[in-house]
Amino acid sequence: MSAIEETALPADDSDIKRMSFEEALAALERIVADLERGDVPLDRSIRIYERGEKLKNHCDRLLSAAEDKVEKIKLNRAGKPVGTEPLDPS
């Protein structure tokens, strides 16, 4: 029996918003493993696939927020720090 089948899924997905990136990624990895095994009934597969989409979107949002916080230190010609700029200015 898969981890998803052993654990009851929440009635809604409101718990996802409270998950850290690592928690959401681990839950998403369990869903992928269960779906790849192919031993989950169709109706449950659809539900966990939808949950997986929400987990992926949550991970994307958290990752994007983290990337926005990462900055590169700007140096002057003498090699002294003079401020910061976005890591990827594009």
PDB file of N, CA and C in Angstrom:
ATOM      1  N   MET A   1       0.854  -1.186   0.000  1.00  0.00           N
ATOM      2  CA  MET A   1       0.000   0.000   0.000  1.00  0.00           C
ATOM      3  C   MET A   1       0.890   1.236   0.000  1.00  0.00           C
ATOM      4  N   SER A   2       0.534   2.229  -0.763  1.00  0.00           N
ATOM      5  CA  SER A   2       1.359   3.425  -0.906  1.00  0.00           C
ATOM      6  C   SER A   2       1.216   4.339   0.311  1.00  0.00           C
ATOM      7  N   ALA A   3       2.183   5.254   0.437  1.00  0.00           N
ATOM      8  CA  ALA A   3       2.142   6.218   1.541  1.00  0.00           C
ATOM      9  C   ALA A   3       0.906   7.100   1.434  1.00  0.00           C
ATOM     10  N   ILE A   4       0.526   7.431   0.212  1.00  0.00           N
ATOM     11  CA  ILE A   4      -0.650   8.284   0.016  1.00  0.00           C
ATOM     12  C   ILE A   4      -1.908   7.542   0.435  1.00  0.00           C
ATOM     13  N   GLU A   5      -1.988   6.260   0.108  1.00  0.00           N
ATOM     14  CA  GLU A   5      -3.181   5.495   0.471  1.00  0.00           C
ATOM     15  C   GLU A   5      -3.255   5.264   1.973  1.00  0.00           C
ATOM     16  N   GLU A   6      -2.113   5.101   2.623  1.00  0.00           N
ATOM     17  CA  GLU A   6      -2.097   4.852   4.061  1.00  0.00           C
ATOM     18  C   GLU A   6      -2.505   6.090   4.840  1.00  0.00           C
ATOM     19  N   THR A   7      -2.181   7.249   4.331  1.00  0.00           N
ATOM     20  CA  THR A   7      -2.479   8.503   5.000  1.00  0.00           C
ATOM     21  C   THR A   7      -3.681   9.149   4.336  1.00  0.00           C
ATOM     22  N   ALA A   8      -4.646   9.510   5.142  1.00  0.00           N
ATOM     23  CA  ALA A   8      -5.826  10.165   4.586  1.00  0.00           C
ATOM     24  C   ALA A   8      -5.434  11.555   4.095  1.00  0.00           C
ATOM     25  N   LEU A   9      -5.881  11.890   2.925  1.00  0.00           N
ATOM     26  CA  LEU A   9      -5.647  13.228   2.404  1.00  0.00           C
ATOM     27  C   LEU A   9      -6.582  14.198   3.109  1.00  0.00           C
ATOM     28  N   PRO A  10      -6.125  15.426   3.334  1.00  0.00           N
ATOM     29  CA  PRO A  10      -7.007  16.414   3.946  1.00  0.00           C
ATOM     30  C   PRO A  10      -8.216  16.681   3.046  1.00  0.00           C
ATOM     31  N   ALA A  11      -9.297  17.105   3.658  1.00  0.00           N
ATOM     32  CA  ALA A  11     -10.515  17.408   2.897  1.00  0.00           C
ATOM     33  C   ALA A  11     -10.267  18.539   1.899  1.00  0.00           C
ATOM     34  N   ASP A  12      -9.411  19.466   2.279  1.00  0.00           N
ATOM     35  CA  ASP A  12      -8.997  20.524   1.355  1.00  0.00           C
ATOM     36  C   ASP A  12      -7.475  20.601   1.388  1.00  0.00           C
ATOM     37  N   ASP A  13      -6.918  21.525   0.670  1.00  0.00           N
ATOM     38  CA  ASP A  13      -5.462  21.622   0.586  1.00  0.00           C
ATOM     39  C   ASP A  13      -4.921  22.829   1.340  1.00  0.00           C
ATOM     40  N   SER A  14      -5.655  23.295   2.323  1.00  0.00           N
ATOM     41  CA  SER A  14      -5.232  24.481   3.065  1.00  0.00           C
ATOM     42  C   SER A  14      -3.941  24.244   3.847  1.00  0.00           C
ATOM     43  N   ASP A  15      -3.618  22.987   4.145  1.00  0.00           N
ATOM     44  CA  ASP A  15      -2.380  22.690   4.861  1.00  0.00           C
ATOM     45  C   ASP A  15      -1.147  23.025   4.034  1.00  0.00           C
ATOM     46  N   ILE A  16      -1.272  23.034   2.734  1.00  0.00           N
ATOM     47  CA  ILE A  16      -0.125  23.287   1.860  1.00  0.00           C
ATOM     48  C   ILE A  16       0.460  24.672   2.118  1.00  0.00           C
ATOM     49  N   LYS A  17      -0.385  25.652   2.345  1.00  0.00           N
ATOM     50  CA  LYS A  17       0.089  27.023   2.567  1.00  0.00           C
ATOM     51  C   LYS A  17       0.979  27.144   3.795  1.00  0.00           C
ATOM     52  N   ARG A  18       0.847  26.233   4.733  1.00  0.00           N
ATOM     53  CA  ARG A  18       1.646  26.270   5.961  1.00  0.00           C
ATOM     54  C   ARG A  18       2.942  25.472   5.840  1.00  0.00           C
ATOM     55  N   MET A  19       3.115  24.756   4.738  1.00  0.00           N
ATOM     56  CA  MET A  19       4.290  23.897   4.576  1.00  0.00           C
ATOM     57  C   MET A  19       5.527  24.703   4.193  1.00  0.00           C
ATOM     58  N   SER A  20       6.662  24.241   4.717  1.00  0.00           N
ATOM     59  CA  SER A  20       7.931  24.794   4.266  1.00  0.00           C
ATOM     60  C   SER A  20       8.222  24.229   2.885  1.00  0.00           C
ATOM     61  N   PHE A  21       9.211  24.784   2.225  1.00  0.00           N
ATOM     62  CA  PHE A  21       9.607  24.281   0.910  1.00  0.00           C
ATOM     63  C   PHE A  21       9.967  22.800   1.003  1.00  0.00           C
ATOM     64  N   GLU A  22      10.746  22.448   2.018  1.00  0.00           N
ATOM     65  CA  GLU A  22      11.199  21.063   2.165  1.00  0.00           C
ATOM     66  C   GLU A  22      10.038  20.105   2.421  1.00  0.00           C
ATOM     67  N   GLU A  23       9.071  20.521   3.233  1.00  0.00           N
ATOM     68  CA  GLU A  23       7.903  19.675   3.501  1.00  0.00           C
ATOM     69  C   GLU A  23       7.064  19.475   2.236  1.00  0.00           C
ATOM     70  N   ALA A  24       6.847  20.557   1.504  1.00  0.00           N
ATOM     71  CA  ALA A  24       6.044  20.472   0.284  1.00  0.00           C
ATOM     72  C   ALA A  24       6.751  19.623  -0.770  1.00  0.00           C
ATOM     73  N   LEU A  25       8.058  19.772  -0.882  1.00  0.00           N
ATOM     74  CA  LEU A  25       8.815  18.987  -1.859  1.00  0.00           C
ATOM     75  C   LEU A  25       8.780  17.500  -1.506  1.00  0.00           C
ATOM     76  N   ALA A  26       8.916  17.176  -0.223  1.00  0.00           N
ATOM     77  CA  ALA A  26       8.856  15.772   0.200  1.00  0.00           C
ATOM     78  C   ALA A  26       7.472  15.178  -0.092  1.00  0.00           C
ATOM     79  N   ALA A  27       6.420  15.943   0.171  1.00  0.00           N
ATOM     80  CA  ALA A  27       5.060  15.467  -0.116  1.00  0.00           C
ATOM     81  C   ALA A  27       4.871  15.270  -1.614  1.00  0.00           C
ATOM     82  N   LEU A  28       5.408  16.178  -2.405  1.00  0.00           N
ATOM     83  CA  LEU A  28       5.314  16.067  -3.856  1.00  0.00           C
ATOM     84  C   LEU A  28       6.077  14.838  -4.357  1.00  0.00           C
ATOM     85  N   GLU A  29       7.242  14.588  -3.793  1.00  0.00           N
ATOM     86  CA  GLU A  29       8.021  13.413  -4.188  1.00  0.00           C
ATOM     87  C   GLU A  29       7.283  12.116  -3.861  1.00  0.00           C
ATOM     88  N   ARG A  30       6.576  12.077  -2.722  1.00  0.00           N
ATOM     89  CA  ARG A  30       5.791  10.882  -2.373  1.00  0.00           C
ATOM     90  C   ARG A  30       4.655  10.671  -3.374  1.00  0.00           C
ATOM     91  N   ILE A  31       4.018  11.758  -3.774  1.00  0.00           N
ATOM     92  CA  ILE A  31       2.926  11.668  -4.750  1.00  0.00           C
ATOM     93  C   ILE A  31       3.457  11.140  -6.079  1.00  0.00           C
ATOM     94  N   VAL A  32       4.573  11.688  -6.528  1.00  0.00           N
ATOM     95  CA  VAL A  32       5.158  11.243  -7.795  1.00  0.00           C
ATOM     96  C   VAL A  32       5.490   9.757  -7.731  1.00  0.00           C
ATOM     97  N   ALA A  33       6.086   9.316  -6.640  1.00  0.00           N
ATOM     98  CA  ALA A  33       6.438   7.902  -6.493  1.00  0.00           C
ATOM     99  C   ALA A  33       5.191   7.018  -6.537  1.00  0.00           C
ATOM    100  N   ASP A  34       4.138   7.439  -5.856  1.00  0.00           N
ATOM    101  CA  ASP A  34       2.893   6.661  -5.847  1.00  0.00           C
ATOM    102  C   ASP A  34       2.265   6.597  -7.238  1.00  0.00           C
ATOM    103  N   LEU A  35       2.248   7.722  -7.930  1.00  0.00           N
ATOM    104  CA  LEU A  35       1.658   7.738  -9.265  1.00  0.00           C
ATOM    105  C   LEU A  35       2.495   6.919 -10.249  1.00  0.00           C
ATOM    106  N   GLU A  36       3.800   6.970 -10.107  1.00  0.00           N
ATOM    107  CA  GLU A  36       4.667   6.191 -10.996  1.00  0.00           C
ATOM    108  C   GLU A  36       4.494   4.689 -10.791  1.00  0.00           C
ATOM    109  N   ARG A  37       4.222   4.278  -9.569  1.00  0.00           N
ATOM    110  CA  ARG A  37       4.015   2.852  -9.282  1.00  0.00           C
ATOM    111  C   ARG A  37       2.756   2.325  -9.957  1.00  0.00           C
ATOM    112  N   GLY A  38       1.766   3.203 -10.102  1.00  0.00           N
ATOM    113  CA  GLY A  38       0.549   2.834 -10.809  1.00  0.00           C
ATOM    114  C   GLY A  38      -0.413   1.955 -10.033  1.00  0.00           C
ATOM    115  N   ASP A  39      -0.241   1.860  -8.727  1.00  0.00           N
ATOM    116  CA  ASP A  39      -1.121   0.997  -7.934  1.00  0.00           C
ATOM    117  C   ASP A  39      -2.201   1.771  -7.180  1.00  0.00           C
ATOM    118  N   VAL A  40      -2.409   3.031  -7.563  1.00  0.00           N
ATOM    119  CA  VAL A  40      -3.404   3.872  -6.907  1.00  0.00           C
ATOM    120  C   VAL A  40      -4.654   3.888  -7.788  1.00  0.00           C
ATOM    121  N   PRO A  41      -5.831   3.663  -7.202  1.00  0.00           N
ATOM    122  CA  PRO A  41      -7.068   3.705  -7.995  1.00  0.00           C
ATOM    123  C   PRO A  41      -7.219   5.048  -8.723  1.00  0.00           C
ATOM    124  N   LEU A  42      -7.902   5.018  -9.859  1.00  0.00           N
ATOM    125  CA  LEU A  42      -8.016   6.189 -10.723  1.00  0.00           C
ATOM    126  C   LEU A  42      -8.551   7.420 -10.001  1.00  0.00           C
ATOM    127  N   ASP A  43      -9.647   7.286  -9.246  1.00  0.00           N
ATOM    128  CA  ASP A  43     -10.223   8.463  -8.590  1.00  0.00           C
ATOM    129  C   ASP A  43      -9.247   9.070  -7.587  1.00  0.00           C
ATOM    130  N   ARG A  44      -8.540   8.214  -6.878  1.00  0.00           N
ATOM    131  CA  ARG A  44      -7.536   8.700  -5.919  1.00  0.00           C
ATOM    132  C   ARG A  44      -6.329   9.285  -6.665  1.00  0.00           C
ATOM    133  N   SER A  45      -5.962   8.696  -7.801  1.00  0.00           N
ATOM    134  CA  SER A  45      -4.851   9.223  -8.602  1.00  0.00           C
ATOM    135  C   SER A  45      -5.145  10.657  -9.035  1.00  0.00           C
ATOM    136  N   ILE A  46      -6.373  10.898  -9.440  1.00  0.00           N
ATOM    137  CA  ILE A  46      -6.759  12.234  -9.869  1.00  0.00           C
ATOM    138  C   ILE A  46      -6.636  13.214  -8.708  1.00  0.00           C
ATOM    139  N   ARG A  47      -7.126  12.814  -7.545  1.00  0.00           N
ATOM    140  CA  ARG A  47      -7.063  13.692  -6.361  1.00  0.00           C
ATOM    141  C   ARG A  47      -5.618  13.985  -5.958  1.00  0.00           C
ATOM    142  N   ILE A  48      -4.774  12.952  -5.936  1.00  0.00           N
ATOM    143  CA  ILE A  48      -3.396  13.222  -5.509  1.00  0.00           C
ATOM    144  C   ILE A  48      -2.614  13.965  -6.590  1.00  0.00           C
ATOM    145  N   TYR A  49      -2.975  13.779  -7.855  1.00  0.00           N
ATOM    146  CA  TYR A  49      -2.351  14.557  -8.928  1.00  0.00           C
ATOM    147  C   TYR A  49      -2.688  16.041  -8.741  1.00  0.00           C
ATOM    148  N   GLU A  50      -3.940  16.338  -8.454  1.00  0.00           N
ATOM    149  CA  GLU A  50      -4.360  17.724  -8.230  1.00  0.00           C
ATOM    150  C   GLU A  50      -3.636  18.317  -7.027  1.00  0.00           C
ATOM    151  N   ARG A  51      -3.488  17.513  -5.979  1.00  0.00           N
ATOM    152  CA  ARG A  51      -2.737  17.970  -4.798  1.00  0.00           C
ATOM    153  C   ARG A  51      -1.276  18.210  -5.178  1.00  0.00           C
ATOM    154  N   GLY A  52      -0.736  17.342  -6.002  1.00  0.00           N
ATOM    155  CA  GLY A  52       0.637  17.510  -6.459  1.00  0.00           C
ATOM    156  C   GLY A  52       0.834  18.808  -7.218  1.00  0.00           C
ATOM    157  N   GLU A  53      -0.134  19.172  -8.041  1.00  0.00           N
ATOM    158  CA  GLU A  53      -0.069  20.445  -8.765  1.00  0.00           C
ATOM    159  C   GLU A  53      -0.024  21.616  -7.781  1.00  0.00           C
ATOM    160  N   LYS A  54      -0.832  21.542  -6.744  1.00  0.00           N
ATOM    161  CA  LYS A  54      -0.854  22.617  -5.740  1.00  0.00           C
ATOM    162  C   LYS A  54       0.458  22.662  -4.971  1.00  0.00           C
ATOM    163  N   LEU A  55       1.017  21.488  -4.665  1.00  0.00           N
ATOM    164  CA  LEU A  55       2.314  21.434  -3.988  1.00  0.00           C
ATOM    165  C   LEU A  55       3.405  22.029  -4.871  1.00  0.00           C
ATOM    166  N   LYS A  56       3.387  21.705  -6.159  1.00  0.00           N
ATOM    167  CA  LYS A  56       4.378  22.234  -7.100  1.00  0.00           C
ATOM    168  C   LYS A  56       4.280  23.749  -7.168  1.00  0.00           C
ATOM    169  N   ASN A  57       3.068  24.264  -7.273  1.00  0.00           N
ATOM    170  CA  ASN A  57       2.877  25.711  -7.333  1.00  0.00           C
ATOM    171  C   ASN A  57       3.365  26.389  -6.055  1.00  0.00           C
ATOM    172  N   HIS A  58       3.116  25.750  -4.917  1.00  0.00           N
ATOM    173  CA  HIS A  58       3.575  26.288  -3.636  1.00  0.00           C
ATOM    174  C   HIS A  58       5.102  26.319  -3.604  1.00  0.00           C
ATOM    175  N   CYS A  59       5.730  25.230  -4.039  1.00  0.00           N
ATOM    176  CA  CYS A  59       7.199  25.180  -4.093  1.00  0.00           C
ATOM    177  C   CYS A  59       7.737  26.265  -5.017  1.00  0.00           C
ATOM    178  N   ASP A  60       7.106  26.452  -6.175  1.00  0.00           N
ATOM    179  CA  ASP A  60       7.529  27.494  -7.113  1.00  0.00           C
ATOM    180  C   ASP A  60       7.455  28.879  -6.477  1.00  0.00           C
ATOM    181  N   ARG A  61       6.362  29.147  -5.752  1.00  0.00           N
ATOM    182  CA  ARG A  61       6.210  30.457  -5.099  1.00  0.00           C
ATOM    183  C   ARG A  61       7.285  30.669  -4.033  1.00  0.00           C
ATOM    184  N   LEU A  62       7.531  29.637  -3.212  1.00  0.00           N
ATOM    185  CA  LEU A  62       8.540  29.762  -2.164  1.00  0.00           C
ATOM    186  C   LEU A  62       9.935  29.935  -2.753  1.00  0.00           C
ATOM    187  N   LEU A  63      10.227  29.204  -3.800  1.00  0.00           N
ATOM    188  CA  LEU A  63      11.527  29.308  -4.450  1.00  0.00           C
ATOM    189  C   LEU A  63      11.713  30.688  -5.078  1.00  0.00           C
ATOM    190  N   SER A  64      10.675  31.184  -5.713  1.00  0.00           N
ATOM    191  CA  SER A  64      10.735  32.514  -6.321  1.00  0.00           C
ATOM    192  C   SER A  64      10.957  33.586  -5.249  1.00  0.00           C
ATOM    193  N   ALA A  65      10.278  33.460  -4.128  1.00  0.00           N
ATOM    194  CA  ALA A  65      10.448  34.425  -3.036  1.00  0.00           C
ATOM    195  C   ALA A  65      11.876  34.373  -2.491  1.00  0.00           C
ATOM    196  N   ALA A  66      12.433  33.171  -2.386  1.00  0.00           N
ATOM    197  CA  ALA A  66      13.804  33.024  -1.897  1.00  0.00           C
ATOM    198  C   ALA A  66      14.792  33.631  -2.890  1.00  0.00           C
ATOM    199  N   GLU A  67      14.555  33.417  -4.177  1.00  0.00           N
ATOM    200  CA  GLU A  67      15.442  33.971  -5.201  1.00  0.00           C
ATOM    201  C   GLU A  67      15.406  35.492  -5.187  1.00  0.00           C
ATOM    202  N   ASP A  68      14.257  36.061  -4.904  1.00  0.00           N
ATOM    203  CA  ASP A  68      14.143  37.518  -4.840  1.00  0.00           C
ATOM    204  C   ASP A  68      14.990  38.090  -3.705  1.00  0.00           C
ATOM    205  N   LYS A  69      15.236  37.305  -2.677  1.00  0.00           N
ATOM    206  CA  LYS A  69      16.006  37.772  -1.523  1.00  0.00           C
ATOM    207  C   LYS A  69      17.509  37.626  -1.726  1.00  0.00           C
ATOM    208  N   VAL A  70      17.903  36.777  -2.673  1.00  0.00           N
ATOM    209  CA  VAL A  70      19.325  36.549  -2.902  1.00  0.00           C
ATOM    210  C   VAL A  70      19.881  37.724  -3.687  1.00  0.00           C
ATOM    211  N   GLU A  71      20.955  38.282  -3.160  1.00  0.00           N
ATOM    212  CA  GLU A  71      21.572  39.413  -3.816  1.00  0.00           C
ATOM    213  C   GLU A  71      23.066  39.172  -3.985  1.00  0.00           C
ATOM    214  N   LYS A  72      23.634  39.854  -4.914  1.00  0.00           N
ATOM    215  CA  LYS A  72      25.061  39.771  -5.163  1.00  0.00           C
ATOM    216  C   LYS A  72      25.698  41.049  -4.620  1.00  0.00           C
ATOM    217  N   ILE A  73      26.836  40.900  -3.965  1.00  0.00           N
ATOM    218  CA  ILE A  73      27.546  42.064  -3.441  1.00  0.00           C
ATOM    219  C   ILE A  73      28.310  42.721  -4.578  1.00  0.00           C
ATOM    220  N   LYS A  74      28.107  44.031  -4.725  1.00  0.00           N
ATOM    221  CA  LYS A  74      28.830  44.791  -5.749  1.00  0.00           C
ATOM    222  C   LYS A  74      30.136  45.289  -5.146  1.00  0.00           C
ATOM    223  N   LEU A  75      31.205  45.194  -5.936  1.00  0.00           N
ATOM    224  CA  LEU A  75      32.520  45.665  -5.504  1.00  0.00           C
ATOM    225  C   LEU A  75      32.955  46.814  -6.393  1.00  0.00           C
ATOM    226  N   ASN A  76      33.695  47.757  -5.799  1.00  0.00           N
ATOM    227  CA  ASN A  76      34.264  48.825  -6.618  1.00  0.00           C
ATOM    228  C   ASN A  76      35.567  48.335  -7.225  1.00  0.00           C
ATOM    229  N   ARG A  77      36.248  49.190  -7.967  1.00  0.00           N
ATOM    230  CA  ARG A  77      37.487  48.784  -8.648  1.00  0.00           C
ATOM    231  C   ARG A  77      38.555  48.323  -7.671  1.00  0.00           C
ATOM    232  N   ALA A  78      38.520  48.814  -6.465  1.00  0.00           N
ATOM    233  CA  ALA A  78      39.507  48.422  -5.458  1.00  0.00           C
ATOM    234  C   ALA A  78      39.115  47.129  -4.754  1.00  0.00           C
ATOM    235  N   GLY A  79      37.950  46.570  -5.116  1.00  0.00           N
ATOM    236  CA  GLY A  79      37.517  45.313  -4.505  1.00  0.00           C
ATOM    237  C   GLY A  79      36.765  45.489  -3.201  1.00  0.00           C
ATOM    238  N   LYS A  80      36.390  46.706  -2.906  1.00  0.00           N
ATOM    239  CA  LYS A  80      35.646  46.979  -1.673  1.00  0.00           C
ATOM    240  C   LYS A  80      34.147  46.881  -1.941  1.00  0.00           C
ATOM    241  N   PRO A  81      33.386  46.308  -0.984  1.00  0.00           N
ATOM    242  CA  PRO A  81      31.932  46.232  -1.159  1.00  0.00           C
ATOM    243  C   PRO A  81      31.318  47.628  -1.183  1.00  0.00           C
ATOM    244  N   VAL A  82      30.402  47.854  -2.149  1.00  0.00           N
ATOM    245  CA  VAL A  82      29.750  49.164  -2.266  1.00  0.00           C
ATOM    246  C   VAL A  82      28.235  49.051  -2.300  1.00  0.00           C
ATOM    247  N   GLY A  83      27.697  47.880  -2.120  1.00  0.00           N
ATOM    248  CA  GLY A  83      26.254  47.706  -2.154  1.00  0.00           C
ATOM    249  C   GLY A  83      25.905  46.342  -2.688  1.00  0.00           C
ATOM    250  N   THR A  84      24.637  46.191  -3.007  1.00  0.00           N
ATOM    251  CA  THR A  84      24.182  44.910  -3.533  1.00  0.00           C
ATOM    252  C   THR A  84      23.335  45.141  -4.785  1.00  0.00           C
ATOM    253  N   GLU A  85      23.168  44.082  -5.539  1.00  0.00           N
ATOM    254  CA  GLU A  85      22.296  44.103  -6.713  1.00  0.00           C
ATOM    255  C   GLU A  85      21.661  42.725  -6.821  1.00  0.00           C
ATOM    256  N   PRO A  86      20.572  42.612  -7.553  1.00  0.00           N
ATOM    257  CA  PRO A  86      19.964  41.280  -7.726  1.00  0.00           C
ATOM    258  C   PRO A  86      20.976  40.312  -8.314  1.00  0.00           C
ATOM    259  N   LEU A  87      20.907  39.070  -7.889  1.00  0.00           N
ATOM    260  CA  LEU A  87      21.833  38.060  -8.362  1.00  0.00           C
ATOM    261  C   LEU A  87      21.715  37.895  -9.870  1.00  0.00           C
ATOM    262  N   ASP A  88      20.492  37.883 -10.384  1.00  0.00           N
ATOM    263  CA  ASP A  88      20.256  37.757 -11.816  1.00  0.00           C
ATOM    264  C   ASP A  88      19.463  38.969 -12.264  1.00  0.00           C
ATOM    265  N   PRO A  89      20.134  39.979 -12.791  1.00  0.00           N
ATOM    266  CA  PRO A  89      19.428  41.223 -13.114  1.00  0.00           C
ATOM    267  C   PRO A  89      18.407  41.112 -14.229  1.00  0.00           C
ATOM    268  N   SER A  90      18.283  40.003 -14.900  1.00  0.00           N
ATOM    269  CA  SER A  90      17.312  39.896 -16.006  1.00  0.00           C
ATOM    270  C   SER A  90      15.940  39.771 -15.550  1.00  0.00           C
TER     271      SER A  90
END
